[in-house]
Amino acid sequence: MPIGKVKWFDTEKGFGFLASEDGQEVFLHASALPAGVKDVKAGTRMEYGIADGRRGPSALSARILDAAPSVVRATRKPAEDMAVITEDLIKLLDEISNGLRRGRYPERSHASKVAAVLRRVADDLDA
């Protein structure tokens, strides 16, 4: 089966084009996407069957091999900024720790905010 990358795909129009490894443009209709997939991003590697259609070669039964990398996850904060953020996070967790030592959990609203901050910092470190 040929392999190519998505050049572009318009969800509203329901089609786009793939660039095959040999440089050929292949029409990609939404009906050729895997079950449950409604959109693919440019750069996504796909394996597909091919047939001659009205507009030239058309992809059939496409399968996603590698999703396009996320630009957001590929950008990292500078290390100096993360150092300041982690220092602030340590102070925040230290306050919570002192309260827990006294037998008090933080209020629910405060606890959910701290949990959200922890998740965000973890995502930034893992990017």
C-alpha atoms as a PDB file:
ATOM      1  CA  MET A   1       0.000   0.000   0.000  1.00  0.00           C
ATOM      2  CA  PRO A   2       1.314   3.496  -0.785  1.00  0.00           C
ATOM      3  CA  ILE A   3       2.251   5.924   1.969  1.00  0.00           C
ATOM      4  CA  GLY A   4       1.893   9.683   1.857  1.00  0.00           C
ATOM      5  CA  LYS A   5       1.468  12.824   3.933  1.00  0.00           C
ATOM      6  CA  VAL A   6      -1.611  15.012   4.117  1.00  0.00           C
ATOM      7  CA  LYS A   7      -0.988  18.228   2.171  1.00  0.00           C
ATOM      8  CA  TRP A   8      -4.238  19.765   3.369  1.00  0.00           C
ATOM      9  CA  PHE A   9      -7.691  18.649   4.442  1.00  0.00           C
ATOM     10  CA  ASP A  10     -10.836  20.790   4.741  1.00  0.00           C
ATOM     11  CA  THR A  11     -13.322  19.295   7.192  1.00  0.00           C
ATOM     12  CA  GLU A  12     -16.181  21.507   5.968  1.00  0.00           C
ATOM     13  CA  LYS A  13     -15.693  20.485   2.339  1.00  0.00           C
ATOM     14  CA  GLY A  14     -14.985  16.875   3.299  1.00  0.00           C
ATOM     15  CA  PHE A  15     -11.856  16.376   1.236  1.00  0.00           C
ATOM     16  CA  GLY A  16      -8.196  17.203   0.834  1.00  0.00           C
ATOM     17  CA  PHE A  17      -5.060  15.906  -0.807  1.00  0.00           C
ATOM     18  CA  LEU A  18      -2.178  13.623   0.077  1.00  0.00           C
ATOM     19  CA  ALA A  19       1.357  13.872  -1.292  1.00  0.00           C
ATOM     20  CA  SER A  20       2.604  10.367  -2.003  1.00  0.00           C
ATOM     21  CA  GLU A  21       6.231   9.419  -1.441  1.00  0.00           C
ATOM     22  CA  ASP A  22       6.817   9.556  -5.218  1.00  0.00           C
ATOM     23  CA  GLY A  23       5.466  13.138  -5.378  1.00  0.00           C
ATOM     24  CA  GLN A  24       2.029  12.320  -6.800  1.00  0.00           C
ATOM     25  CA  GLU A  25      -1.034  14.208  -5.498  1.00  0.00           C
ATOM     26  CA  VAL A  26      -3.805  11.881  -4.329  1.00  0.00           C
ATOM     27  CA  PHE A  27      -7.390  12.992  -3.664  1.00  0.00           C
ATOM     28  CA  LEU A  28      -8.523  12.200  -0.107  1.00  0.00           C
ATOM     29  CA  HIS A  29     -12.267  12.143   0.556  1.00  0.00           C
ATOM     30  CA  ALA A  30     -13.614  12.095   4.125  1.00  0.00           C
ATOM     31  CA  SER A  31     -15.207   8.689   3.435  1.00  0.00           C
ATOM     32  CA  ALA A  32     -11.688   7.196   3.060  1.00  0.00           C
ATOM     33  CA  LEU A  33     -10.689   8.215   6.589  1.00  0.00           C
ATOM     34  CA  PRO A  34     -10.691   5.576   9.353  1.00  0.00           C
ATOM     35  CA  ALA A  35     -13.902   5.094  11.351  1.00  0.00           C
ATOM     36  CA  GLY A  36     -14.384   7.860  13.906  1.00  0.00           C
ATOM     37  CA  VAL A  37     -11.858  10.208  12.283  1.00  0.00           C
ATOM     38  CA  LYS A  38     -13.407  13.350  10.852  1.00  0.00           C
ATOM     39  CA  ASP A  39     -10.328  15.534  10.421  1.00  0.00           C
ATOM     40  CA  VAL A  40      -6.622  15.079   9.703  1.00  0.00           C
ATOM     41  CA  LYS A  41      -3.919  17.714   9.998  1.00  0.00           C
ATOM     42  CA  ALA A  42      -1.370  18.597   7.354  1.00  0.00           C
ATOM     43  CA  GLY A  43       1.746  16.463   7.776  1.00  0.00           C
ATOM     44  CA  THR A  44      -0.086  13.369   9.028  1.00  0.00           C
ATOM     45  CA  ARG A  45       1.453  10.213   7.501  1.00  0.00           C
ATOM     46  CA  MET A  46      -1.121   7.825   6.087  1.00  0.00           C
ATOM     47  CA  GLU A  47      -1.183   4.468   4.357  1.00  0.00           C
ATOM     48  CA  TYR A  48      -3.934   4.084   1.781  1.00  0.00           C
ATOM     49  CA  GLY A  49      -5.278   2.094  -1.117  1.00  0.00           C
ATOM     50  CA  ILE A  50      -5.455   3.879  -4.446  1.00  0.00           C
ATOM     51  CA  ALA A  51      -7.943   3.914  -7.317  1.00  0.00           C
ATOM     52  CA  ASP A  52      -8.422   6.057 -10.404  1.00  0.00           C
ATOM     53  CA  GLY A  53     -11.246   8.517  -9.848  1.00  0.00           C
ATOM     54  CA  ARG A  54     -12.775  11.410 -11.782  1.00  0.00           C
ATOM     55  CA  ARG A  55     -10.137  13.767 -10.417  1.00  0.00           C
ATOM     56  CA  GLY A  56      -7.200  11.411 -10.859  1.00  0.00           C
ATOM     57  CA  PRO A  57      -5.819   9.080  -8.196  1.00  0.00           C
ATOM     58  CA  SER A  58      -8.047   8.763  -5.116  1.00  0.00           C
ATOM     59  CA  ALA A  59      -7.212   7.317  -1.718  1.00  0.00           C
ATOM     60  CA  LEU A  60      -9.260   4.402  -0.408  1.00  0.00           C
ATOM     61  CA  SER A  61      -9.331   2.993   3.126  1.00  0.00           C
ATOM     62  CA  ALA A  62      -6.731   5.359   4.549  1.00  0.00           C
ATOM     63  CA  ARG A  63      -5.010   4.446   7.783  1.00  0.00           C
ATOM     64  CA  ILE A  64      -3.132   6.906  10.000  1.00  0.00           C
ATOM     65  CA  LEU A  65       0.484   5.895  10.600  1.00  0.00           C
ATOM     66  CA  ASP A  66       1.857   8.981  12.369  1.00  0.00           C
ATOM     67  CA  ALA A  67      -0.158  11.988  13.421  1.00  0.00           C
ATOM     68  CA  ALA A  68       1.323  15.385  12.664  1.00  0.00           C
ATOM     69  CA  PRO A  69       3.329  16.745  15.572  1.00  0.00           C
ATOM     70  CA  SER A  70       1.556  19.300  17.703  1.00  0.00           C
ATOM     71  CA  VAL A  71       3.107  22.746  17.421  1.00  0.00           C
ATOM     72  CA  VAL A  72       1.984  23.591  20.952  1.00  0.00           C
ATOM     73  CA  ARG A  73       3.731  20.575  22.472  1.00  0.00           C
ATOM     74  CA  ALA A  74       6.859  21.174  20.409  1.00  0.00           C
ATOM     75  CA  THR A  75       7.411  24.642  21.862  1.00  0.00           C
ATOM     76  CA  ARG A  76       8.980  24.792  25.266  1.00  0.00           C
ATOM     77  CA  LYS A  77       9.225  27.611  27.733  1.00  0.00           C
ATOM     78  CA  PRO A  78      12.770  28.836  28.370  1.00  0.00           C
ATOM     79  CA  ALA A  79      14.461  26.997  31.238  1.00  0.00           C
ATOM     80  CA  GLU A  80      14.810  30.249  33.212  1.00  0.00           C
ATOM     81  CA  ASP A  81      11.019  30.762  33.092  1.00  0.00           C
ATOM     82  CA  MET A  82      10.376  27.173  34.174  1.00  0.00           C
ATOM     83  CA  ALA A  83      12.775  27.626  37.100  1.00  0.00           C
ATOM     84  CA  VAL A  84      10.707  30.575  38.384  1.00  0.00           C
ATOM     85  CA  ILE A  85       7.466  28.653  37.869  1.00  0.00           C
ATOM     86  CA  THR A  86       8.729  25.586  39.742  1.00  0.00           C
ATOM     87  CA  GLU A  87       9.988  27.765  42.628  1.00  0.00           C
ATOM     88  CA  ASP A  88       6.532  29.346  42.916  1.00  0.00           C
ATOM     89  CA  LEU A  89       4.976  25.894  42.748  1.00  0.00           C
ATOM     90  CA  ILE A  90       7.212  24.688  45.586  1.00  0.00           C
ATOM     91  CA  LYS A  91       6.045  27.618  47.762  1.00  0.00           C
ATOM     92  CA  LEU A  92       2.418  26.826  46.938  1.00  0.00           C
ATOM     93  CA  LEU A  93       2.835  23.134  47.780  1.00  0.00           C
ATOM     94  CA  ASP A  94       4.700  24.030  50.973  1.00  0.00           C
ATOM     95  CA  GLU A  95       1.680  26.039  52.166  1.00  0.00           C
ATOM     96  CA  ILE A  96      -0.607  23.095  51.449  1.00  0.00           C
ATOM     97  CA  SER A  97       1.808  20.747  53.205  1.00  0.00           C
ATOM     98  CA  ASN A  98       1.776  22.904  56.359  1.00  0.00           C
ATOM     99  CA  GLY A  99      -2.023  22.810  56.407  1.00  0.00           C
ATOM    100  CA  LEU A 100      -2.043  19.034  55.970  1.00  0.00           C
ATOM    101  CA  ARG A 101       0.376  18.643  58.883  1.00  0.00           C
ATOM    102  CA  ARG A 102      -2.218  20.453  61.001  1.00  0.00           C
ATOM    103  CA  GLY A 103      -4.870  18.025  59.792  1.00  0.00           C
ATOM    104  CA  ARG A 104      -6.557  20.427  57.347  1.00  0.00           C
ATOM    105  CA  TYR A 105      -7.082  19.811  53.674  1.00  0.00           C
ATOM    106  CA  PRO A 106      -7.270  22.897  51.462  1.00  0.00           C
ATOM    107  CA  GLU A 107     -10.713  24.156  50.504  1.00  0.00           C
ATOM    108  CA  ARG A 108     -12.164  22.451  47.479  1.00  0.00           C
ATOM    109  CA  SER A 109     -11.904  25.505  45.204  1.00  0.00           C
ATOM    110  CA  HIS A 110      -8.284  26.104  46.200  1.00  0.00           C
ATOM    111  CA  ALA A 111      -7.408  22.419  45.818  1.00  0.00           C
ATOM    112  CA  SER A 112      -8.838  22.298  42.270  1.00  0.00           C
ATOM    113  CA  LYS A 113      -6.814  25.384  41.276  1.00  0.00           C
ATOM    114  CA  VAL A 114      -3.629  23.856  42.665  1.00  0.00           C
ATOM    115  CA  ALA A 115      -4.349  20.596  40.827  1.00  0.00           C
ATOM    116  CA  ALA A 116      -4.832  22.512  37.557  1.00  0.00           C
ATOM    117  CA  VAL A 117      -1.503  24.305  38.084  1.00  0.00           C
ATOM    118  CA  LEU A 118       0.240  20.982  38.787  1.00  0.00           C
ATOM    119  CA  ARG A 119      -1.181  19.459  35.581  1.00  0.00           C
ATOM    120  CA  ARG A 120      -0.099  22.464  33.511  1.00  0.00           C
ATOM    121  CA  VAL A 121       3.427  22.494  34.911  1.00  0.00           C
ATOM    122  CA  ALA A 122       3.684  18.735  34.319  1.00  0.00           C
ATOM    123  CA  ASP A 123       2.587  19.248  30.685  1.00  0.00           C
ATOM    124  CA  ASP A 124       5.153  22.030  30.241  1.00  0.00           C
ATOM    125  CA  LEU A 125       7.916  19.841  31.631  1.00  0.00           C
ATOM    126  CA  ASP A 126       6.851  16.871  29.497  1.00  0.00           C
ATOM    127  CA  ALA A 127       6.642  18.834  26.213  1.00  0.00           C
END
